Amino acid sequence: MSRRAAWAAIVALALGAALAPLPPDLVERWYSRRIYPPIQEALTTISNLVPFALFDVLWIGGVAAAAVLVYRSRKYGWVKGAVHVLVVLTCAAALVYLAFLGAWGLNYRRTPLAEKLVFDEARITPEAHAALGDRAVAALNAEYAKAHERPIQLEGLYSAFVDAHRALGGSGVVTGVPKTTLLGWYFHKASIAGMTDPFFLETMLAPDLLDVERPFVIAHEWAHLAGYADESEANFIAYLTCQRGDAAARYSSALMLIGYAPGTRGLKEALEMGPKIDLYAIQTRYRQTSGMLRFAARESYDRYLKANRVEKGIESYDAVVQLILGTPLDTSGNPRLR
């Protein structure tokens, strides 16, 4: 096979993979349940051994390779050189996309979590929504002191996460060691709390998170590692995890919830001084971000999600409240499964 034929085959394979109407139950049964778990265990185990983010090596290497490609393509002249660069970058993008799908991305096409749960839309009412917010406010007031007593305890969070994951029918998962990244400046400016590397399956956090924000963000990224690509599903598992965790985890979960369910009273009136200080710190950090980068990041991620068949795009984050309210729990606090 010639080089051009190989390149054409790679691009065609990527297009086919992007457009193929794979049945969700087939993806769930064969990829998410059988193929993905050993891939995740191997890649996260390896990435955990490295103290820095391998994703940084990947994107820096990609930028460097593209620069070298452009430089060397000058010998073909401007027109042929530009065509050569375009062809090579298209082929490279196809290879990266196929690697993305194989390592993690096919989880976007698995059976939605709502279809595995005993989900009842009738439970989602304005009154239930307000009550959820009131419970979050009460938790912030009650847990503030204990939540600030000591740094995050990853061992306890891990145990709570494993319990929540198993309650949803999941099997074993290797959780990622939280890492910083050279993209930390971008995370700050774009108001991004964390990210799961879809190639090396590692967990990266923004450098300026409050300690009390970290439990929920970490549990959210661990849910992605467990194969829950949808943002609302990852938020739901993080919520279940933190509810099973210590005071810091419960406080962290409540901080998330008041953003989606503020309760019956204004936060200024309902919150005590301690939680107000934390919210002020979060708001101060937000004011230091870049509106332009926030907009660009939001729009880019919205298109990314929709390209991966998440119809609601960035709005899928908000659907966590629907999952929380619409899912009945058993006597042990576990979601009821179909």
Protein backbone atom coordinates (compact mmCIF):
# COMPACT_ATOMS: atom_id res chain seq x y z
CA MET A 1 0.00 0.00 0.00
CA SER A 2 1.35 3.41 -0.96
CA ARG A 3 1.72 6.22 1.55
CA ARG A 4 -1.16 8.16 0.00
CA ALA A 5 -3.41 5.12 0.13
CA ALA A 6 -2.50 4.56 3.78
CA TRP A 7 -3.27 8.16 4.64
CA ALA A 8 -6.60 7.97 2.80
CA ALA A 9 -7.48 4.76 4.63
CA ILE A 10 -6.71 6.32 8.02
CA VAL A 11 -8.85 9.39 7.30
CA ALA A 12 -11.67 7.20 5.95
CA LEU A 13 -11.51 5.00 9.05
CA ALA A 14 -11.69 8.05 11.32
CA LEU A 15 -14.66 9.47 9.41
CA GLY A 16 -16.40 6.12 9.57
CA ALA A 17 -15.79 5.88 13.30
CA ALA A 18 -17.14 9.41 13.80
CA LEU A 19 -20.30 8.86 11.79
CA ALA A 20 -21.09 5.20 12.47
CA PRO A 21 -24.42 4.85 14.30
CA LEU A 22 -23.21 2.42 16.96
CA PRO A 23 -26.03 1.12 19.21
CA PRO A 24 -25.52 2.37 22.80
CA ASP A 25 -26.20 -1.06 24.30
CA LEU A 26 -23.50 -2.56 22.08
CA VAL A 27 -20.99 0.10 23.18
CA GLU A 28 -22.04 -0.42 26.79
CA ARG A 29 -21.69 -4.20 26.69
CA TRP A 30 -18.51 -4.61 24.67
CA TYR A 31 -16.51 -1.40 25.05
CA SER A 32 -17.46 0.29 28.33
CA ARG A 33 -17.86 -2.96 30.30
CA ARG A 34 -15.22 -5.23 28.74
CA ILE A 35 -12.63 -3.44 26.59
CA TYR A 36 -12.28 -0.13 28.39
CA PRO A 37 -11.68 -1.29 32.02
CA PRO A 38 -8.35 -3.07 31.34
CA ILE A 39 -7.24 -0.16 29.15
CA GLN A 40 -8.06 2.27 31.95
CA GLU A 41 -6.32 0.16 34.56
CA ALA A 42 -3.13 -0.08 32.50
CA LEU A 43 -2.94 3.54 31.37
CA THR A 44 -3.83 5.13 34.71
CA THR A 45 -1.48 2.80 36.57
CA ILE A 46 1.36 3.88 34.27
CA SER A 47 0.49 7.59 34.37
CA ASN A 48 0.26 7.47 38.18
CA LEU A 49 3.93 6.48 38.30
CA VAL A 50 4.95 9.74 36.61
CA PRO A 51 4.96 12.85 38.86
CA PHE A 52 4.10 15.23 36.02
CA ALA A 53 1.21 15.31 33.55
CA LEU A 54 1.95 13.15 30.50
CA PHE A 55 -0.66 15.20 28.69
CA ASP A 56 1.79 18.12 28.82
CA VAL A 57 4.36 16.00 26.99
CA LEU A 58 1.72 15.10 24.43
CA TRP A 59 0.53 18.60 23.58
CA ILE A 60 4.00 20.15 23.66
CA GLY A 61 5.27 17.36 21.42
CA GLY A 62 2.37 17.94 19.05
CA VAL A 63 3.08 21.66 18.80
CA ALA A 64 6.78 21.00 18.23
CA ALA A 65 6.08 18.36 15.57
CA ALA A 66 3.73 20.73 13.74
CA ALA A 67 6.37 23.48 13.80
CA VAL A 68 8.99 21.11 12.38
CA LEU A 69 6.54 19.97 9.69
CA VAL A 70 5.85 23.55 8.59
CA TYR A 71 9.56 24.36 8.56
CA ARG A 72 10.52 21.34 6.47
CA SER A 73 7.63 21.84 4.06
CA ARG A 74 9.16 25.11 2.83
CA LYS A 75 11.24 23.11 0.33
CA TYR A 76 8.08 22.31 -1.65
CA GLY A 77 7.22 25.98 -2.14
CA TRP A 78 4.31 27.87 -0.60
CA VAL A 79 1.45 26.16 -2.44
CA LYS A 80 2.69 22.56 -2.43
CA GLY A 81 4.11 23.06 1.05
CA ALA A 82 0.77 24.25 2.39
CA VAL A 83 -0.99 21.30 0.80
CA HIS A 84 1.59 18.92 2.27
CA VAL A 85 1.13 20.39 5.74
CA LEU A 86 -2.66 20.18 5.43
CA VAL A 87 -2.54 16.55 4.33
CA VAL A 88 -0.16 15.48 7.08
CA LEU A 89 -2.07 17.36 9.78
CA THR A 90 -5.35 15.86 8.58
CA CYS A 91 -3.87 12.38 8.76
CA ALA A 92 -2.40 13.11 12.19
CA ALA A 93 -5.75 14.42 13.42
CA ALA A 94 -7.41 11.23 12.19
CA LEU A 95 -4.89 9.10 14.09
CA VAL A 96 -5.36 11.18 17.25
CA TYR A 97 -9.14 10.85 16.96
CA LEU A 98 -8.93 7.08 16.59
CA ALA A 99 -6.63 6.91 19.63
CA PHE A 100 -9.10 9.11 21.54
CA LEU A 101 -12.01 6.82 20.72
CA GLY A 102 -10.10 3.67 21.61
CA ALA A 103 -8.62 4.94 24.87
CA TRP A 104 -11.73 6.66 26.26
CA GLY A 105 -13.94 8.55 23.80
CA LEU A 106 -16.34 5.72 22.91
CA ASN A 107 -17.77 6.09 26.41
CA TYR A 108 -19.72 9.06 25.07
CA ARG A 109 -21.81 6.55 23.11
CA ARG A 110 -22.65 4.17 25.95
CA THR A 111 -26.13 3.74 27.40
CA PRO A 112 -27.14 6.91 29.31
CA LEU A 113 -27.10 6.51 33.07
CA ALA A 114 -30.73 7.67 33.33
CA GLU A 115 -31.76 4.57 31.38
CA LYS A 116 -30.00 2.30 33.91
CA LEU A 117 -31.62 3.97 36.91
CA VAL A 118 -35.18 3.87 38.15
CA PHE A 119 -35.61 7.46 36.99
CA ASP A 120 -38.90 9.24 37.64
CA GLU A 121 -39.39 12.68 36.10
CA ALA A 122 -42.43 13.25 38.34
CA ARG A 123 -40.04 13.64 41.28
CA ILE A 124 -38.49 16.73 39.65
CA THR A 125 -40.62 19.59 40.96
CA PRO A 126 -39.88 23.21 41.90
CA GLU A 127 -40.46 22.30 45.53
CA ALA A 128 -37.98 19.41 45.40
CA HIS A 129 -35.48 21.64 43.61
CA ALA A 130 -35.74 24.31 46.31
CA ALA A 131 -35.51 21.71 49.08
CA LEU A 132 -32.30 20.34 47.55
CA GLY A 133 -30.84 23.83 47.64
CA ASP A 134 -31.92 24.31 51.25
CA ARG A 135 -30.20 21.05 52.21
CA ALA A 136 -27.02 22.24 50.50
CA VAL A 137 -27.11 25.53 52.40
CA ALA A 138 -27.69 23.68 55.68
CA ALA A 139 -24.75 21.37 54.92
CA LEU A 140 -22.45 24.33 54.24
CA ASN A 141 -23.35 25.91 57.56
CA ALA A 142 -23.12 22.65 59.53
CA GLU A 143 -19.96 21.21 57.97
CA TYR A 144 -17.85 24.36 57.62
CA ALA A 145 -15.68 23.90 60.71
CA LYS A 146 -14.94 20.19 60.20
CA ALA A 147 -14.39 20.68 56.47
CA HIS A 148 -11.55 23.10 57.20
CA GLU A 149 -9.86 21.11 59.96
CA ARG A 150 -7.40 19.17 57.79
CA PRO A 151 -6.27 18.75 54.16
CA ILE A 152 -8.17 16.45 51.83
CA GLN A 153 -7.91 12.75 52.66
CA LEU A 154 -7.62 10.92 49.34
CA GLU A 155 -7.88 7.49 50.97
CA GLY A 156 -11.30 8.23 52.40
CA LEU A 157 -12.46 9.85 49.17
CA TYR A 158 -11.27 6.79 47.24
CA SER A 159 -13.27 4.44 49.47
CA ALA A 160 -16.38 6.58 49.06
CA PHE A 161 -15.88 6.71 45.29
CA VAL A 162 -15.49 2.94 44.97
CA ASP A 163 -18.67 2.48 47.01
CA ALA A 164 -20.63 4.92 44.85
CA HIS A 165 -19.28 3.38 41.65
CA ARG A 166 -20.28 -0.12 42.74
CA ALA A 167 -23.73 1.12 43.73
CA LEU A 168 -24.22 1.99 40.05
CA GLY A 169 -23.14 -1.47 38.92
CA GLY A 170 -19.53 -0.53 38.19
CA SER A 171 -16.50 -2.75 38.69
CA GLY A 172 -12.97 -1.90 39.76
CA VAL A 173 -11.32 1.33 38.62
CA VAL A 174 -7.82 2.73 39.14
CA THR A 175 -8.19 6.32 40.32
CA GLY A 176 -5.77 8.98 39.11
CA VAL A 177 -3.31 10.81 41.31
CA PRO A 178 -4.31 14.51 41.11
CA LYS A 179 -1.66 16.39 39.12
CA THR A 180 -0.84 19.94 38.17
CA THR A 181 -0.31 20.83 34.53
CA LEU A 182 1.52 23.40 32.46
CA LEU A 183 -1.95 24.38 31.28
CA GLY A 184 -2.71 25.61 34.79
CA TRP A 185 -2.55 29.24 33.68
CA TYR A 186 -5.18 28.47 31.03
CA PHE A 187 -7.34 26.57 33.51
CA HIS A 188 -7.30 29.65 35.75
CA LYS A 189 -8.03 32.18 33.02
CA ALA A 190 -10.75 30.03 31.44
CA SER A 191 -12.28 29.06 34.81
CA ILE A 192 -11.68 25.33 34.32
CA ALA A 193 -11.58 23.28 37.53
CA GLY A 194 -10.08 20.07 36.22
CA MET A 195 -9.59 17.76 33.27
CA THR A 196 -9.27 14.06 32.54
CA ASP A 197 -6.56 13.30 30.00
CA PRO A 198 -8.37 11.08 27.45
CA PHE A 199 -5.14 9.52 26.18
CA PHE A 200 -3.11 8.64 29.29
CA LEU A 201 -6.21 8.66 31.55
CA GLU A 202 -4.76 10.87 34.26
CA THR A 203 -6.39 13.46 36.53
CA MET A 204 -5.36 17.12 36.26
CA LEU A 205 -6.57 19.95 38.49
CA ALA A 206 -6.53 23.73 38.31
CA PRO A 207 -3.78 25.15 40.54
CA ASP A 208 -6.00 27.65 42.33
CA LEU A 209 -8.82 25.46 43.63
CA LEU A 210 -9.72 25.94 47.26
CA ASP A 211 -9.00 22.88 49.40
CA VAL A 212 -12.72 22.51 50.02
CA GLU A 213 -13.42 22.47 46.27
CA ARG A 214 -10.98 19.67 45.54
CA PRO A 215 -12.96 16.61 46.80
CA PHE A 216 -15.87 17.14 44.41
CA VAL A 217 -13.64 18.04 41.45
CA ILE A 218 -11.42 15.01 42.03
CA ALA A 219 -14.42 12.69 42.36
CA HIS A 220 -15.85 14.19 39.15
CA GLU A 221 -12.64 13.46 37.23
CA TRP A 222 -12.44 9.97 38.73
CA ALA A 223 -15.95 9.35 37.39
CA HIS A 224 -14.64 10.21 33.94
CA LEU A 225 -11.86 7.67 34.48
CA ALA A 226 -14.53 5.11 35.37
CA GLY A 227 -15.98 5.62 31.90
CA TYR A 228 -18.74 8.13 32.58
CA ALA A 229 -18.00 10.68 29.88
CA ASP A 230 -21.22 12.68 30.20
CA GLU A 231 -20.71 15.66 32.51
CA SER A 232 -24.01 15.32 34.37
CA GLU A 233 -23.29 11.64 35.04
CA ALA A 234 -19.80 12.47 36.32
CA ASN A 235 -21.33 15.15 38.55
CA PHE A 236 -23.92 12.67 39.83
CA ILE A 237 -21.27 10.10 40.76
CA ALA A 238 -19.19 12.84 42.40
CA TYR A 239 -22.28 13.85 44.38
CA LEU A 240 -22.87 10.25 45.52
CA THR A 241 -19.19 9.95 46.41
CA CYS A 242 -19.09 13.11 48.50
CA GLN A 243 -22.32 12.23 50.29
CA ARG A 244 -20.57 9.04 51.41
CA GLY A 245 -17.37 10.88 52.36
CA ASP A 246 -16.18 12.94 55.29
CA ALA A 247 -17.20 16.47 56.26
CA ALA A 248 -14.84 18.03 53.70
CA ALA A 249 -16.36 15.94 50.91
CA ARG A 250 -19.93 16.74 51.96
CA TYR A 251 -19.06 20.44 52.16
CA SER A 252 -17.45 20.28 48.72
CA SER A 253 -20.58 18.69 47.29
CA ALA A 254 -22.78 21.36 48.85
CA LEU A 255 -20.61 24.08 47.28
CA MET A 256 -21.34 22.54 43.90
CA LEU A 257 -25.06 22.15 44.52
CA ILE A 258 -25.80 25.76 45.45
CA GLY A 259 -24.67 26.71 41.96
CA TYR A 260 -27.52 24.63 40.51
CA ALA A 261 -30.08 24.75 43.35
CA PRO A 262 -29.78 27.96 45.43
CA GLY A 263 -32.70 27.17 47.77
CA THR A 264 -35.65 29.18 48.98
CA ARG A 265 -33.67 32.04 50.54
CA GLY A 266 -30.91 34.19 49.13
CA LEU A 267 -27.43 32.94 49.92
CA LYS A 268 -26.49 36.22 51.56
CA GLU A 269 -29.25 35.70 54.06
CA ALA A 270 -29.06 31.91 54.46
CA LEU A 271 -25.31 31.31 54.73
CA GLU A 272 -23.20 31.83 57.82
CA MET A 273 -19.95 33.78 57.73
CA GLY A 274 -17.63 30.81 57.06
CA PRO A 275 -19.27 29.60 53.84
CA LYS A 276 -19.67 33.22 52.74
CA ILE A 277 -15.88 33.64 52.97
CA ASP A 278 -15.35 30.59 50.77
CA LEU A 279 -17.84 31.84 48.20
CA TYR A 280 -16.18 35.25 48.24
CA ALA A 281 -12.81 33.59 47.54
CA ILE A 282 -14.34 31.67 44.62
CA GLN A 283 -15.95 34.82 43.26
CA THR A 284 -12.67 36.74 43.61
CA ARG A 285 -10.87 34.06 41.61
CA TYR A 286 -13.59 34.20 38.97
CA ARG A 287 -13.19 37.96 38.61
CA GLN A 288 -9.51 37.37 37.81
CA THR A 289 -10.34 35.12 34.86
CA SER A 290 -10.53 36.20 31.24
CA GLY A 291 -14.00 36.72 29.81
CA MET A 292 -12.72 36.11 26.29
CA LEU A 293 -10.99 32.84 27.25
CA ARG A 294 -14.02 31.71 29.27
CA PHE A 295 -16.26 32.29 26.27
CA ALA A 296 -13.84 30.57 23.88
CA ALA A 297 -13.39 27.60 26.22
CA ARG A 298 -17.13 27.28 26.77
CA GLU A 299 -17.97 27.44 23.06
CA SER A 300 -15.17 25.03 22.14
CA TYR A 301 -16.19 22.51 24.78
CA ASP A 302 -19.84 22.86 23.81
CA ARG A 303 -18.96 21.96 20.22
CA TYR A 304 -16.70 19.15 21.40
CA LEU A 305 -19.51 17.62 23.47
CA LYS A 306 -22.03 17.92 20.67
CA ALA A 307 -19.54 16.40 18.23
CA ASN A 308 -19.36 13.45 20.62
CA ARG A 309 -23.15 13.10 20.57
CA VAL A 310 -23.92 14.91 23.82
CA GLU A 311 -26.94 16.77 22.46
CA LYS A 312 -27.17 19.32 25.29
CA GLY A 313 -23.50 20.24 25.01
CA ILE A 314 -22.25 22.33 27.91
CA GLU A 315 -25.77 22.38 29.36
CA SER A 316 -25.29 18.71 30.30
CA TYR A 317 -23.54 19.89 33.48
CA ASP A 318 -26.86 21.21 34.80
CA ALA A 319 -28.65 17.88 34.32
CA VAL A 320 -27.07 16.57 37.53
CA VAL A 321 -29.96 18.09 39.50
CA GLN A 322 -32.43 16.11 37.42
CA LEU A 323 -30.51 12.91 38.16
CA ILE A 324 -30.38 13.68 41.88
CA LEU A 325 -34.06 14.57 42.15
CA GLY A 326 -35.41 11.99 39.72
CA THR A 327 -33.57 8.97 41.14
CA PRO A 328 -35.07 7.28 44.23
CA LEU A 329 -32.65 5.79 46.76
CA ASP A 330 -32.93 2.54 48.68
CA THR A 331 -32.62 2.27 52.46
CA SER A 332 -28.81 2.22 52.17
CA GLY A 333 -28.76 5.45 50.17
CA ASN A 334 -27.96 3.71 46.89
CA PRO A 335 -29.68 4.66 43.61
CA ARG A 336 -32.28 2.14 42.49
CA LEU A 337 -31.25 0.35 39.30
CA ARG A 338 -33.48 -1.13 36.64
